[in-house]
Amino acid sequence: MIKKAFKMKIYPDCHVEYQKRHDVLWPEMKAMLVKYGAQTYSIFLDEATSTLFAYLEIEDESLWSQTATTEINQKWWLYMADIMETNLDNSPNSIELTQVFDL
């Protein structure tokens, strides 16, 4: 099992909207995440800084890396681009974190 963590930023006035969109995550998005090896995927919000912390466990890094080019993921990125910091291709501006401890 490969553990991954990263952080992203949402706009301060979009906390509720971000939660709302994830509460009704599209079934085809959920299916894609599982198809490409996500065993678990959680996102946490630091409301004081509007920083999101994401944690997931995947089966295979090369399989997971293919998620970025799926049609559904591209559609999701476009859908989320108005409420968070993104790159020019609408992908979330994310910073991968290095694991330093595991119990």
Protein backbone atom coordinates (compact mmCIF):
# COMPACT_ATOMS: atom_id res chain seq x y z
CA MET A 1 0.00 0.00 0.00
CA ILE A 2 1.33 3.43 -0.97
CA LYS A 3 0.39 6.36 1.26
CA LYS A 4 0.12 9.82 -0.28
CA ALA A 5 -0.60 13.19 1.27
CA PHE A 6 -0.79 16.65 -0.21
CA LYS A 7 -2.17 20.08 0.51
CA MET A 8 -4.26 22.45 -1.58
CA LYS A 9 -5.94 25.82 -1.01
CA ILE A 10 -9.54 26.88 -1.41
CA TYR A 11 -10.77 30.44 -1.43
CA PRO A 12 -11.77 31.62 2.06
CA ASP A 13 -15.38 32.28 1.12
CA CYS A 14 -15.80 28.84 -0.51
CA HIS A 15 -15.55 26.45 2.46
CA VAL A 16 -19.26 25.63 2.45
CA GLU A 17 -19.40 25.23 -1.31
CA TYR A 18 -16.36 22.91 -1.31
CA GLN A 19 -18.03 20.72 1.31
CA LYS A 20 -21.32 20.77 -0.59
CA ARG A 21 -19.70 19.62 -3.84
CA HIS A 22 -17.93 16.76 -2.11
CA ASP A 23 -21.06 15.70 -0.22
CA VAL A 24 -22.61 14.89 -3.59
CA LEU A 25 -19.47 13.64 -5.34
CA TRP A 26 -20.43 12.33 -8.75
CA PRO A 27 -20.78 8.52 -8.80
CA GLU A 28 -18.60 8.32 -11.92
CA MET A 29 -15.86 10.24 -10.08
CA LYS A 30 -16.01 7.82 -7.16
CA ALA A 31 -15.87 4.89 -9.60
CA MET A 32 -12.82 6.35 -11.34
CA LEU A 33 -10.96 6.79 -8.05
CA VAL A 34 -11.56 3.16 -7.13
CA LYS A 35 -10.77 1.91 -10.67
CA TYR A 36 -7.38 3.63 -10.52
CA GLY A 37 -6.48 2.14 -7.17
CA ALA A 38 -7.66 4.45 -4.38
CA GLN A 39 -8.25 2.34 -1.29
CA THR A 40 -9.03 5.30 0.94
CA TYR A 41 -9.18 9.03 0.26
CA SER A 42 -9.86 11.73 2.85
CA ILE A 43 -9.68 15.51 2.67
CA PHE A 44 -9.53 17.76 5.74
CA LEU A 45 -9.97 21.54 5.92
CA ASP A 46 -8.01 23.95 8.11
CA GLU A 47 -10.61 26.70 8.23
CA ALA A 48 -8.19 29.29 9.62
CA THR A 49 -5.92 29.08 6.55
CA SER A 50 -8.29 27.62 3.92
CA THR A 51 -5.75 24.83 3.47
CA LEU A 52 -6.95 21.39 2.47
CA PHE A 53 -5.00 18.33 3.60
CA ALA A 54 -5.63 15.23 1.49
CA TYR A 55 -4.62 11.69 2.39
CA LEU A 56 -5.03 8.62 0.25
CA GLU A 57 -3.81 5.08 -0.02
CA ILE A 58 -3.27 3.62 -3.47
CA GLU A 59 -2.22 0.28 -4.91
CA ASP A 60 0.10 1.41 -7.70
CA GLU A 61 1.72 4.78 -8.44
CA SER A 62 1.79 4.32 -12.22
CA LEU A 63 -1.90 3.38 -12.29
CA TRP A 64 -2.82 6.31 -10.04
CA SER A 65 -0.88 8.78 -12.19
CA GLN A 66 -3.30 8.04 -15.05
CA THR A 67 -6.21 9.63 -13.18
CA ALA A 68 -5.16 13.11 -14.31
CA THR A 69 -5.94 12.34 -17.95
CA THR A 70 -9.33 10.72 -17.46
CA GLU A 71 -12.30 12.57 -18.90
CA ILE A 72 -14.16 12.58 -15.58
CA ASN A 73 -11.19 14.01 -13.70
CA GLN A 74 -10.76 16.76 -16.27
CA LYS A 75 -14.47 17.57 -15.88
CA TRP A 76 -14.13 17.61 -12.06
CA TRP A 77 -11.13 19.94 -12.18
CA LEU A 78 -13.06 22.38 -14.35
CA TYR A 79 -16.05 22.16 -11.96
CA MET A 80 -13.84 22.94 -8.94
CA ALA A 81 -11.65 25.64 -10.54
CA ASP A 82 -13.87 28.51 -9.44
CA ILE A 83 -13.49 27.76 -5.72
CA MET A 84 -9.83 26.83 -5.31
CA GLU A 85 -6.32 27.69 -6.41
CA THR A 86 -5.54 25.88 -9.66
CA ASN A 87 -2.90 25.52 -12.35
CA LEU A 88 -3.44 26.64 -15.95
CA ASP A 89 -4.90 23.20 -16.82
CA ASN A 90 -7.46 23.55 -13.96
CA SER A 91 -5.69 20.91 -11.86
CA PRO A 92 -5.57 21.85 -8.18
CA ASN A 93 -2.44 23.67 -7.16
CA SER A 94 -1.20 20.98 -4.80
CA ILE A 95 1.96 20.34 -2.84
CA GLU A 96 2.87 16.73 -2.15
CA LEU A 97 3.90 16.09 1.44
CA THR A 98 6.69 13.80 2.63
CA GLN A 99 5.81 11.18 5.21
CA VAL A 100 8.04 11.51 8.24
CA PHE A 101 6.31 9.17 10.71
CA ASP A 102 3.98 6.18 10.66
CA LEU A 103 2.73 4.20 13.65
